[in-house]
Amino acid sequence: RAFKTAWGYFIPVTAYARWREVFEERQAAFFALRDR
């Protein structure tokens, strides 16, 4: 959900809410695996 720019990966405001939702889901899965 980002454009690759000279400064790095740019997530536009139109994609930000969905990006945050997916990131938080996958972050939770990452820490759930740690706990397991």
PDB file of all heavy atoms in Angstrom:
ATOM      1  N   ARG A   1       0.814  -1.217   0.000  1.00  0.00           N
ATOM      2  CA  ARG A   1       0.000   0.000   0.000  1.00  0.00           C
ATOM      3  C   ARG A   1       0.845   1.263   0.000  1.00  0.00           C
ATOM      4  O   ARG A   1       0.474   2.257   0.614  1.00  0.00           O
ATOM      5  CB  ARG A   1      -0.933  -0.011   1.230  1.00  0.00           C
ATOM      6  CG  ARG A   1      -2.029  -1.049   1.114  1.00  0.00           C
ATOM      7  CD  ARG A   1      -2.934  -1.076   2.320  1.00  0.00           C
ATOM      8  NE  ARG A   1      -4.097  -1.894   2.033  1.00  0.00           N
ATOM      9  CZ  ARG A   1      -4.110  -3.222   2.099  1.00  0.00           C
ATOM     10  NH1 ARG A   1      -3.026  -3.879   2.458  1.00  0.00           N
ATOM     11  NH2 ARG A   1      -5.202  -3.896   1.802  1.00  0.00           N
ATOM     12  N   ALA A   2       1.961   1.222  -0.673  1.00  0.00           N
ATOM     13  CA  ALA A   2       2.859   2.378  -0.662  1.00  0.00           C
ATOM     14  C   ALA A   2       3.493   2.577  -2.027  1.00  0.00           C
ATOM     15  O   ALA A   2       3.579   1.658  -2.837  1.00  0.00           O
ATOM     16  CB  ALA A   2       3.941   2.190   0.404  1.00  0.00           C
ATOM     17  N   PHE A   3       3.929   3.807  -2.248  1.00  0.00           N
ATOM     18  CA  PHE A   3       4.739   4.144  -3.411  1.00  0.00           C
ATOM     19  C   PHE A   3       6.199   4.192  -2.971  1.00  0.00           C
ATOM     20  O   PHE A   3       6.519   4.737  -1.910  1.00  0.00           O
ATOM     21  CB  PHE A   3       4.346   5.517  -3.971  1.00  0.00           C
ATOM     22  CG  PHE A   3       2.948   5.588  -4.504  1.00  0.00           C
ATOM     23  CD1 PHE A   3       1.915   6.132  -3.741  1.00  0.00           C
ATOM     24  CD2 PHE A   3       2.650   5.123  -5.777  1.00  0.00           C
ATOM     25  CE1 PHE A   3       0.628   6.217  -4.227  1.00  0.00           C
ATOM     26  CE2 PHE A   3       1.355   5.194  -6.272  1.00  0.00           C
ATOM     27  CZ  PHE A   3       0.348   5.743  -5.502  1.00  0.00           C
ATOM     28  N   LYS A   4       7.076   3.659  -3.776  1.00  0.00           N
ATOM     29  CA  LYS A   4       8.498   3.723  -3.477  1.00  0.00           C
ATOM     30  C   LYS A   4       9.041   5.040  -4.005  1.00  0.00           C
ATOM     31  O   LYS A   4       9.046   5.290  -5.206  1.00  0.00           O
ATOM     32  CB  LYS A   4       9.237   2.544  -4.121  1.00  0.00           C
ATOM     33  CG  LYS A   4      10.693   2.449  -3.694  1.00  0.00           C
ATOM     34  CD  LYS A   4      11.361   1.220  -4.281  1.00  0.00           C
ATOM     35  CE  LYS A   4      12.807   1.115  -3.815  1.00  0.00           C
ATOM     36  NZ  LYS A   4      13.491  -0.078  -4.393  1.00  0.00           N
ATOM     37  N   THR A   5       9.500   5.901  -3.111  1.00  0.00           N
ATOM     38  CA  THR A   5      10.012   7.209  -3.493  1.00  0.00           C
ATOM     39  C   THR A   5      11.473   7.332  -3.090  1.00  0.00           C
ATOM     40  O   THR A   5      12.030   6.443  -2.449  1.00  0.00           O
ATOM     41  CB  THR A   5       9.209   8.338  -2.809  1.00  0.00           C
ATOM     42  OG1 THR A   5       9.563   8.381  -1.415  1.00  0.00           O
ATOM     43  CG2 THR A   5       7.712   8.116  -2.951  1.00  0.00           C
ATOM     44  N   ALA A   6      12.075   8.476  -3.445  1.00  0.00           N
ATOM     45  CA  ALA A   6      13.477   8.704  -3.097  1.00  0.00           C
ATOM     46  C   ALA A   6      13.668   8.767  -1.587  1.00  0.00           C
ATOM     47  O   ALA A   6      14.773   8.530  -1.083  1.00  0.00           O
ATOM     48  CB  ALA A   6      13.959  10.005  -3.734  1.00  0.00           C
ATOM     49  N   TRP A   7      12.606   9.074  -0.838  1.00  0.00           N
ATOM     50  CA  TRP A   7      12.708   9.176   0.621  1.00  0.00           C
ATOM     51  C   TRP A   7      12.375   7.860   1.327  1.00  0.00           C
ATOM     52  O   TRP A   7      12.583   7.727   2.513  1.00  0.00           O
ATOM     53  CB  TRP A   7      11.776  10.272   1.145  1.00  0.00           C
ATOM     54  CG  TRP A   7      12.197  11.640   0.750  1.00  0.00           C
ATOM     55  CD1 TRP A   7      13.094  12.453   1.393  1.00  0.00           C
ATOM     56  CD2 TRP A   7      11.747  12.379  -0.387  1.00  0.00           C
ATOM     57  NE1 TRP A   7      13.220  13.642   0.721  1.00  0.00           N
ATOM     58  CE2 TRP A   7      12.410  13.628  -0.379  1.00  0.00           C
ATOM     59  CE3 TRP A   7      10.849  12.113  -1.416  1.00  0.00           C
ATOM     60  CZ2 TRP A   7      12.196  14.599  -1.354  1.00  0.00           C
ATOM     61  CZ3 TRP A   7      10.641  13.066  -2.391  1.00  0.00           C
ATOM     62  CH2 TRP A   7      11.313  14.297  -2.345  1.00  0.00           C
ATOM     63  N   GLY A   8      11.802   6.918   0.605  1.00  0.00           N
ATOM     64  CA  GLY A   8      11.371   5.662   1.207  1.00  0.00           C
ATOM     65  C   GLY A   8       9.956   5.334   0.758  1.00  0.00           C
ATOM     66  O   GLY A   8       9.438   5.910  -0.215  1.00  0.00           O
ATOM     67  N   TYR A   9       9.304   4.420   1.457  1.00  0.00           N
ATOM     68  CA  TYR A   9       7.953   3.998   1.084  1.00  0.00           C
ATOM     69  C   TYR A   9       6.927   4.992   1.616  1.00  0.00           C
ATOM     70  O   TYR A   9       6.857   5.247   2.818  1.00  0.00           O
ATOM     71  CB  TYR A   9       7.677   2.588   1.600  1.00  0.00           C
ATOM     72  CG  TYR A   9       8.403   1.533   0.804  1.00  0.00           C
ATOM     73  CD1 TYR A   9       9.647   1.063   1.205  1.00  0.00           C
ATOM     74  CD2 TYR A   9       7.862   1.033  -0.389  1.00  0.00           C
ATOM     75  CE1 TYR A   9      10.327   0.110   0.450  1.00  0.00           C
ATOM     76  CE2 TYR A   9       8.541   0.097  -1.141  1.00  0.00           C
ATOM     77  CZ  TYR A   9       9.765  -0.367  -0.716  1.00  0.00           C
ATOM     78  OH  TYR A   9      10.438  -1.294  -1.467  1.00  0.00           O
ATOM     79  N   PHE A  10       6.111   5.512   0.698  1.00  0.00           N
ATOM     80  CA  PHE A  10       5.152   6.566   0.988  1.00  0.00           C
ATOM     81  C   PHE A  10       3.746   5.980   0.964  1.00  0.00           C
ATOM     82  O   PHE A  10       3.278   5.495  -0.072  1.00  0.00           O
ATOM     83  CB  PHE A  10       5.285   7.683  -0.058  1.00  0.00           C
ATOM     84  CG  PHE A  10       4.319   8.826   0.105  1.00  0.00           C
ATOM     85  CD1 PHE A  10       4.616   9.890   0.946  1.00  0.00           C
ATOM     86  CD2 PHE A  10       3.120   8.844  -0.593  1.00  0.00           C
ATOM     87  CE1 PHE A  10       3.730  10.951   1.088  1.00  0.00           C
ATOM     88  CE2 PHE A  10       2.225   9.903  -0.456  1.00  0.00           C
ATOM     89  CZ  PHE A  10       2.534  10.956   0.393  1.00  0.00           C
ATOM     90  N   ILE A  11       3.066   5.992   2.115  1.00  0.00           N
ATOM     91  CA  ILE A  11       1.688   5.508   2.207  1.00  0.00           C
ATOM     92  C   ILE A  11       0.754   6.700   2.141  1.00  0.00           C
ATOM     93  O   ILE A  11       0.782   7.565   3.026  1.00  0.00           O
ATOM     94  CB  ILE A  11       1.458   4.734   3.513  1.00  0.00           C
ATOM     95  CG1 ILE A  11       2.393   3.523   3.595  1.00  0.00           C
ATOM     96  CG2 ILE A  11       0.002   4.279   3.619  1.00  0.00           C
ATOM     97  CD1 ILE A  11       2.266   2.749   4.891  1.00  0.00           C
ATOM     98  N   PRO A  12      -0.081   6.813   1.110  1.00  0.00           N
ATOM     99  CA  PRO A  12      -0.973   7.975   1.004  1.00  0.00           C
ATOM    100  C   PRO A  12      -2.092   7.909   2.020  1.00  0.00           C
ATOM    101  O   PRO A  12      -2.433   6.841   2.546  1.00  0.00           O
ATOM    102  CB  PRO A  12      -1.504   7.861  -0.440  1.00  0.00           C
ATOM    103  CG  PRO A  12      -1.410   6.412  -0.771  1.00  0.00           C
ATOM    104  CD  PRO A  12      -0.206   5.894  -0.040  1.00  0.00           C
ATOM    105  N   VAL A  13      -2.682   9.064   2.294  1.00  0.00           N
ATOM    106  CA  VAL A  13      -3.750   9.153   3.286  1.00  0.00           C
ATOM    107  C   VAL A  13      -4.926   8.266   2.896  1.00  0.00           C
ATOM    108  O   VAL A  13      -5.626   7.722   3.759  1.00  0.00           O
ATOM    109  CB  VAL A  13      -4.198  10.615   3.456  1.00  0.00           C
ATOM    110  CG1 VAL A  13      -4.774  11.184   2.160  1.00  0.00           C
ATOM    111  CG2 VAL A  13      -5.201  10.742   4.595  1.00  0.00           C
ATOM    112  N   THR A  14      -5.152   8.068   1.595  1.00  0.00           N
ATOM    113  CA  THR A  14      -6.265   7.247   1.139  1.00  0.00           C
ATOM    114  C   THR A  14      -6.080   5.773   1.489  1.00  0.00           C
ATOM    115  O   THR A  14      -7.048   5.017   1.511  1.00  0.00           O
ATOM    116  CB  THR A  14      -6.414   7.395  -0.385  1.00  0.00           C
ATOM    117  OG1 THR A  14      -5.113   7.285  -1.004  1.00  0.00           O
ATOM    118  CG2 THR A  14      -7.013   8.744  -0.749  1.00  0.00           C
ATOM    119  N   ALA A  15      -4.847   5.353   1.733  1.00  0.00           N
ATOM    120  CA  ALA A  15      -4.573   3.950   2.068  1.00  0.00           C
ATOM    121  C   ALA A  15      -4.203   3.781   3.533  1.00  0.00           C
ATOM    122  O   ALA A  15      -4.064   2.639   3.994  1.00  0.00           O
ATOM    123  CB  ALA A  15      -3.437   3.418   1.184  1.00  0.00           C
ATOM    124  N   TYR A  16      -4.039   4.880   4.263  1.00  0.00           N
ATOM    125  CA  TYR A  16      -3.475   4.797   5.609  1.00  0.00           C
ATOM    126  C   TYR A  16      -4.342   3.988   6.573  1.00  0.00           C
ATOM    127  O   TYR A  16      -3.838   3.135   7.314  1.00  0.00           O
ATOM    128  CB  TYR A  16      -3.239   6.199   6.177  1.00  0.00           C
ATOM    129  CG  TYR A  16      -2.656   6.172   7.572  1.00  0.00           C
ATOM    130  CD1 TYR A  16      -1.310   5.887   7.771  1.00  0.00           C
ATOM    131  CD2 TYR A  16      -3.462   6.400   8.680  1.00  0.00           C
ATOM    132  CE1 TYR A  16      -0.771   5.836   9.046  1.00  0.00           C
ATOM    133  CE2 TYR A  16      -2.935   6.352   9.962  1.00  0.00           C
ATOM    134  CZ  TYR A  16      -1.591   6.069  10.142  1.00  0.00           C
ATOM    135  OH  TYR A  16      -1.071   6.007  11.408  1.00  0.00           O
ATOM    136  N   ALA A  17      -5.647   4.246   6.592  1.00  0.00           N
ATOM    137  CA  ALA A  17      -6.514   3.562   7.557  1.00  0.00           C
ATOM    138  C   ALA A  17      -6.483   2.056   7.350  1.00  0.00           C
ATOM    139  O   ALA A  17      -6.376   1.285   8.311  1.00  0.00           O
ATOM    140  CB  ALA A  17      -7.944   4.088   7.451  1.00  0.00           C
ATOM    141  N   ARG A  18      -6.567   1.631   6.084  1.00  0.00           N
ATOM    142  CA  ARG A  18      -6.533   0.195   5.802  1.00  0.00           C
ATOM    143  C   ARG A  18      -5.154  -0.370   6.113  1.00  0.00           C
ATOM    144  O   ARG A  18      -5.041  -1.482   6.642  1.00  0.00           O
ATOM    145  CB  ARG A  18      -6.903  -0.062   4.336  1.00  0.00           C
ATOM    146  CG  ARG A  18      -6.888  -1.525   3.925  1.00  0.00           C
ATOM    147  CD  ARG A  18      -7.799  -2.369   4.779  1.00  0.00           C
ATOM    148  NE  ARG A  18      -7.783  -3.760   4.357  1.00  0.00           N
ATOM    149  CZ  ARG A  18      -8.130  -4.778   5.128  1.00  0.00           C
ATOM    150  NH1 ARG A  18      -8.529  -4.558   6.368  1.00  0.00           N
ATOM    151  NH2 ARG A  18      -8.081  -6.014   4.677  1.00  0.00           N
ATOM    152  N   TRP A  19      -4.087   0.380   5.809  1.00  0.00           N
ATOM    153  CA  TRP A  19      -2.738  -0.090   6.145  1.00  0.00           C
ATOM    154  C   TRP A  19      -2.608  -0.309   7.648  1.00  0.00           C
ATOM    155  O   TRP A  19      -2.096  -1.341   8.097  1.00  0.00           O
ATOM    156  CB  TRP A  19      -1.683   0.918   5.696  1.00  0.00           C
ATOM    157  CG  TRP A  19      -0.354   0.585   6.299  1.00  0.00           C
ATOM    158  CD1 TRP A  19       0.538  -0.351   5.869  1.00  0.00           C
ATOM    159  CD2 TRP A  19       0.179   1.115   7.522  1.00  0.00           C
ATOM    160  NE1 TRP A  19       1.607  -0.425   6.737  1.00  0.00           N
ATOM    161  CE2 TRP A  19       1.418   0.453   7.756  1.00  0.00           C
ATOM    162  CE3 TRP A  19      -0.245   2.074   8.429  1.00  0.00           C
ATOM    163  CZ2 TRP A  19       2.210   0.746   8.865  1.00  0.00           C
ATOM    164  CZ3 TRP A  19       0.545   2.358   9.538  1.00  0.00           C
ATOM    165  CH2 TRP A  19       1.766   1.701   9.744  1.00  0.00           C
ATOM    166  N   ARG A  20      -3.063   0.651   8.428  1.00  0.00           N
ATOM    167  CA  ARG A  20      -2.944   0.539   9.888  1.00  0.00           C
ATOM    168  C   ARG A  20      -3.722  -0.662  10.410  1.00  0.00           C
ATOM    169  O   ARG A  20      -3.248  -1.389  11.294  1.00  0.00           O
ATOM    170  CB  ARG A  20      -3.438   1.818  10.551  1.00  0.00           C
ATOM    171  CG  ARG A  20      -3.266   1.821  12.069  1.00  0.00           C
ATOM    172  CD  ARG A  20      -3.632   3.165  12.662  1.00  0.00           C
ATOM    173  NE  ARG A  20      -5.021   3.506  12.378  1.00  0.00           N
ATOM    174  CZ  ARG A  20      -5.579   4.659  12.715  1.00  0.00           C
ATOM    175  NH1 ARG A  20      -4.867   5.596  13.328  1.00  0.00           N
ATOM    176  NH2 ARG A  20      -6.848   4.896  12.434  1.00  0.00           N
ATOM    177  N   GLU A  21      -4.903  -0.882   9.855  1.00  0.00           N
ATOM    178  CA  GLU A  21      -5.721  -2.021  10.280  1.00  0.00           C
ATOM    179  C   GLU A  21      -5.000  -3.342  10.002  1.00  0.00           C
ATOM    180  O   GLU A  21      -4.916  -4.215  10.876  1.00  0.00           O
ATOM    181  CB  GLU A  21      -7.067  -1.984   9.546  1.00  0.00           C
ATOM    182  CG  GLU A  21      -7.984  -3.144   9.874  1.00  0.00           C
ATOM    183  CD  GLU A  21      -9.258  -3.110   9.043  1.00  0.00           C
ATOM    184  OE1 GLU A  21      -9.499  -2.105   8.340  1.00  0.00           O
ATOM    185  OE2 GLU A  21     -10.005  -4.108   9.077  1.00  0.00           O
ATOM    186  N   VAL A  22      -4.469  -3.483   8.780  1.00  0.00           N
ATOM    187  CA  VAL A  22      -3.777  -4.723   8.418  1.00  0.00           C
ATOM    188  C   VAL A  22      -2.496  -4.879   9.232  1.00  0.00           C
ATOM    189  O   VAL A  22      -2.172  -5.976   9.709  1.00  0.00           O
ATOM    190  CB  VAL A  22      -3.472  -4.738   6.903  1.00  0.00           C
ATOM    191  CG1 VAL A  22      -2.598  -5.937   6.537  1.00  0.00           C
ATOM    192  CG2 VAL A  22      -4.773  -4.772   6.108  1.00  0.00           C
ATOM    193  N   PHE A  23      -1.757  -3.773   9.412  1.00  0.00           N
ATOM    194  CA  PHE A  23      -0.521  -3.845  10.180  1.00  0.00           C
ATOM    195  C   PHE A  23      -0.786  -4.297  11.611  1.00  0.00           C
ATOM    196  O   PHE A  23      -0.073  -5.161  12.151  1.00  0.00           O
ATOM    197  CB  PHE A  23       0.184  -2.491  10.183  1.00  0.00           C
ATOM    198  CG  PHE A  23       1.385  -2.451  11.095  1.00  0.00           C
ATOM    199  CD1 PHE A  23       2.576  -3.047  10.729  1.00  0.00           C
ATOM    200  CD2 PHE A  23       1.301  -1.837  12.342  1.00  0.00           C
ATOM    201  CE1 PHE A  23       3.684  -3.036  11.583  1.00  0.00           C
ATOM    202  CE2 PHE A  23       2.392  -1.819  13.201  1.00  0.00           C
ATOM    203  CZ  PHE A  23       3.582  -2.424  12.815  1.00  0.00           C
ATOM    204  N   GLU A  24      -1.801  -3.729  12.237  1.00  0.00           N
ATOM    205  CA  GLU A  24      -2.088  -4.091  13.618  1.00  0.00           C
ATOM    206  C   GLU A  24      -2.523  -5.551  13.732  1.00  0.00           C
ATOM    207  O   GLU A  24      -2.179  -6.245  14.699  1.00  0.00           O
ATOM    208  CB  GLU A  24      -3.159  -3.160  14.191  1.00  0.00           C
ATOM    209  CG  GLU A  24      -2.635  -1.744  14.413  1.00  0.00           C
ATOM    210  CD  GLU A  24      -3.713  -0.773  14.860  1.00  0.00           C
ATOM    211  OE1 GLU A  24      -4.908  -1.168  14.842  1.00  0.00           O
ATOM    212  OE2 GLU A  24      -3.372   0.373  15.223  1.00  0.00           O
ATOM    213  N   GLU A  25      -3.272  -6.041  12.728  1.00  0.00           N
ATOM    214  CA  GLU A  25      -3.657  -7.459  12.728  1.00  0.00           C
ATOM    215  C   GLU A  25      -2.420  -8.349  12.636  1.00  0.00           C
ATOM    216  O   GLU A  25      -2.288  -9.335  13.386  1.00  0.00           O
ATOM    217  CB  GLU A  25      -4.593  -7.748  11.549  1.00  0.00           C
ATOM    218  CG  GLU A  25      -5.987  -7.167  11.672  1.00  0.00           C
ATOM    219  CD  GLU A  25      -6.798  -7.379  10.418  1.00  0.00           C
ATOM    220  OE1 GLU A  25      -6.246  -7.955   9.436  1.00  0.00           O
ATOM    221  OE2 GLU A  25      -7.985  -6.993  10.392  1.00  0.00           O
ATOM    222  N   ARG A  26      -1.511  -8.011  11.722  1.00  0.00           N
ATOM    223  CA  ARG A  26      -0.332  -8.853  11.531  1.00  0.00           C
ATOM    224  C   ARG A  26       0.671  -8.689  12.666  1.00  0.00           C
ATOM    225  O   ARG A  26       1.387  -9.632  13.003  1.00  0.00           O
ATOM    226  CB  ARG A  26       0.302  -8.530  10.181  1.00  0.00           C
ATOM    227  CG  ARG A  26      -0.621  -8.876   9.016  1.00  0.00           C
ATOM    228  CD  ARG A  26      -0.018  -8.580   7.666  1.00  0.00           C
ATOM    229  NE  ARG A  26      -0.957  -8.907   6.610  1.00  0.00           N
ATOM    230  CZ  ARG A  26      -0.697  -8.771   5.317  1.00  0.00           C
ATOM    231  NH1 ARG A  26       0.488  -8.314   4.912  1.00  0.00           N
ATOM    232  NH2 ARG A  26      -1.612  -9.091   4.412  1.00  0.00           N
ATOM    233  N   GLN A  27       0.715  -7.506  13.251  1.00  0.00           N
ATOM    234  CA  GLN A  27       1.565  -7.309  14.421  1.00  0.00           C
ATOM    235  C   GLN A  27       1.067  -8.170  15.589  1.00  0.00           C
ATOM    236  O   GLN A  27       1.866  -8.788  16.317  1.00  0.00           O
ATOM    237  CB  GLN A  27       1.568  -5.837  14.814  1.00  0.00           C
ATOM    238  CG  GLN A  27       2.524  -5.491  15.947  1.00  0.00           C
ATOM    239  CD  GLN A  27       2.396  -4.040  16.361  1.00  0.00           C
ATOM    240  OE1 GLN A  27       1.292  -3.533  16.545  1.00  0.00           O
ATOM    241  NE2 GLN A  27       3.524  -3.360  16.504  1.00  0.00           N
ATOM    242  N   ALA A  28      -0.256  -8.228  15.751  1.00  0.00           N
ATOM    243  CA  ALA A  28      -0.830  -9.067  16.806  1.00  0.00           C
ATOM    244  C   ALA A  28      -0.522 -10.533  16.560  1.00  0.00           C
ATOM    245  O   ALA A  28      -0.223 -11.285  17.503  1.00  0.00           O
ATOM    246  CB  ALA A  28      -2.338  -8.839  16.883  1.00  0.00           C
ATOM    247  N   ALA A  29      -0.563 -10.966  15.289  1.00  0.00           N
ATOM    248  CA  ALA A  29      -0.240 -12.357  14.964  1.00  0.00           C
ATOM    249  C   ALA A  29       1.222 -12.653  15.267  1.00  0.00           C
ATOM    250  O   ALA A  29       1.571 -13.761  15.721  1.00  0.00           O
ATOM    251  CB  ALA A  29      -0.549 -12.638  13.501  1.00  0.00           C
ATOM    252  N   PHE A  30       2.088 -11.676  15.029  1.00  0.00           N
ATOM    253  CA  PHE A  30       3.517 -11.832  15.297  1.00  0.00           C
ATOM    254  C   PHE A  30       3.765 -12.053  16.792  1.00  0.00           C
ATOM    255  O   PHE A  30       4.472 -12.988  17.203  1.00  0.00           O
ATOM    256  CB  PHE A  30       4.253 -10.589  14.794  1.00  0.00           C
ATOM    257  CG  PHE A  30       5.712 -10.530  15.137  1.00  0.00           C
ATOM    258  CD1 PHE A  30       6.633 -11.312  14.458  1.00  0.00           C
ATOM    259  CD2 PHE A  30       6.170  -9.668  16.128  1.00  0.00           C
ATOM    260  CE1 PHE A  30       7.994 -11.247  14.767  1.00  0.00           C
ATOM    261  CE2 PHE A  30       7.520  -9.599  16.437  1.00  0.00           C
ATOM    262  CZ  PHE A  30       8.429 -10.391  15.755  1.00  0.00           C
ATOM    263  N   PHE A  31       3.151 -11.221  17.625  1.00  0.00           N
ATOM    264  CA  PHE A  31       3.357 -11.354  19.063  1.00  0.00           C
ATOM    265  C   PHE A  31       2.613 -12.575  19.622  1.00  0.00           C
ATOM    266  O   PHE A  31       3.040 -13.158  20.632  1.00  0.00           O
ATOM    267  CB  PHE A  31       2.946 -10.078  19.780  1.00  0.00           C
ATOM    268  CG  PHE A  31       3.900  -8.942  19.569  1.00  0.00           C
ATOM    269  CD1 PHE A  31       3.479  -7.722  19.058  1.00  0.00           C
ATOM    270  CD2 PHE A  31       5.245  -9.099  19.872  1.00  0.00           C
ATOM    271  CE1 PHE A  31       4.368  -6.681  18.862  1.00  0.00           C
ATOM    272  CE2 PHE A  31       6.148  -8.066  19.681  1.00  0.00           C
ATOM    273  CZ  PHE A  31       5.713  -6.851  19.164  1.00  0.00           C
ATOM    274  N   ALA A  32       1.514 -12.972  18.962  1.00  0.00           N
ATOM    275  CA  ALA A  32       0.827 -14.201  19.389  1.00  0.00           C
ATOM    276  C   ALA A  32       1.718 -15.418  19.153  1.00  0.00           C
ATOM    277  O   ALA A  32       1.735 -16.354  19.968  1.00  0.00           O
ATOM    278  CB  ALA A  32      -0.491 -14.352  18.633  1.00  0.00           C
ATOM    279  N   LEU A  33       2.470 -15.402  18.056  1.00  0.00           N
ATOM    280  CA  LEU A  33       3.408 -16.501  17.793  1.00  0.00           C
ATOM    281  C   LEU A  33       4.522 -16.502  18.836  1.00  0.00           C
ATOM    282  O   LEU A  33       4.938 -17.566  19.315  1.00  0.00           O
ATOM    283  CB  LEU A  33       3.974 -16.366  16.388  1.00  0.00           C
ATOM    284  CG  LEU A  33       4.967 -17.457  15.957  1.00  0.00           C
ATOM    285  CD1 LEU A  33       4.367 -18.846  16.093  1.00  0.00           C
ATOM    286  CD2 LEU A  33       5.444 -17.208  14.529  1.00  0.00           C
ATOM    287  N   ARG A  34       5.010 -15.312  19.189  1.00  0.00           N
ATOM    288  CA  ARG A  34       6.008 -15.225  20.261  1.00  0.00           C
ATOM    289  C   ARG A  34       5.471 -15.848  21.549  1.00  0.00           C
ATOM    290  O   ARG A  34       6.158 -16.658  22.212  1.00  0.00           O
ATOM    291  CB  ARG A  34       6.369 -13.763  20.499  1.00  0.00           C
ATOM    292  CG  ARG A  34       7.292 -13.529  21.695  1.00  0.00           C
ATOM    293  CD  ARG A  34       7.170 -12.107  22.216  1.00  0.00           C
ATOM    294  NE  ARG A  34       5.811 -11.808  22.689  1.00  0.00           N
ATOM    295  CZ  ARG A  34       5.408 -10.606  23.071  1.00  0.00           C
ATOM    296  NH1 ARG A  34       6.247  -9.583  23.028  1.00  0.00           N
ATOM    297  NH2 ARG A  34       4.162 -10.421  23.490  1.00  0.00           N
ATOM    298  N   ASP A  35       4.240 -15.485  21.910  1.00  0.00           N
ATOM    299  CA  ASP A  35       3.651 -16.005  23.147  1.00  0.00           C
ATOM    300  C   ASP A  35       3.468 -17.515  23.069  1.00  0.00           C
ATOM    301  O   ASP A  35       3.623 -18.226  24.075  1.00  0.00           O
ATOM    302  CB  ASP A  35       2.310 -15.329  23.416  1.00  0.00           C
ATOM    303  CG  ASP A  35       2.453 -13.827  23.665  1.00  0.00           C
ATOM    304  OD1 ASP A  35       3.590 -13.388  23.968  1.00  0.00           O
ATOM    305  OD2 ASP A  35       1.453 -13.102  23.545  1.00  0.00           O
ATOM    306  N   ARG A  36       3.158 -18.008  21.891  1.00  0.00           N
ATOM    307  CA  ARG A  36       2.996 -19.463  21.724  1.00  0.00           C
ATOM    308  C   ARG A  36       4.332 -20.176  21.927  1.00  0.00           C
ATOM    309  O   ARG A  36       4.385 -21.244  22.554  1.00  0.00           O
ATOM    310  CB  ARG A  36       2.437 -19.759  20.342  1.00  0.00           C
ATOM    311  CG  ARG A  36       2.322 -21.241  20.033  1.00  0.00           C
ATOM    312  CD  ARG A  36       1.892 -21.462  18.601  1.00  0.00           C
ATOM    313  NE  ARG A  36       1.987 -22.858  18.223  1.00  0.00           N
ATOM    314  CZ  ARG A  36       1.829 -23.292  16.978  1.00  0.00           C
ATOM    315  NH1 ARG A  36       1.568 -22.438  15.990  1.00  0.00           N
ATOM    316  NH2 ARG A  36       1.939 -24.577  16.712  1.00  0.00           N
TER     317      ARG A  36
END
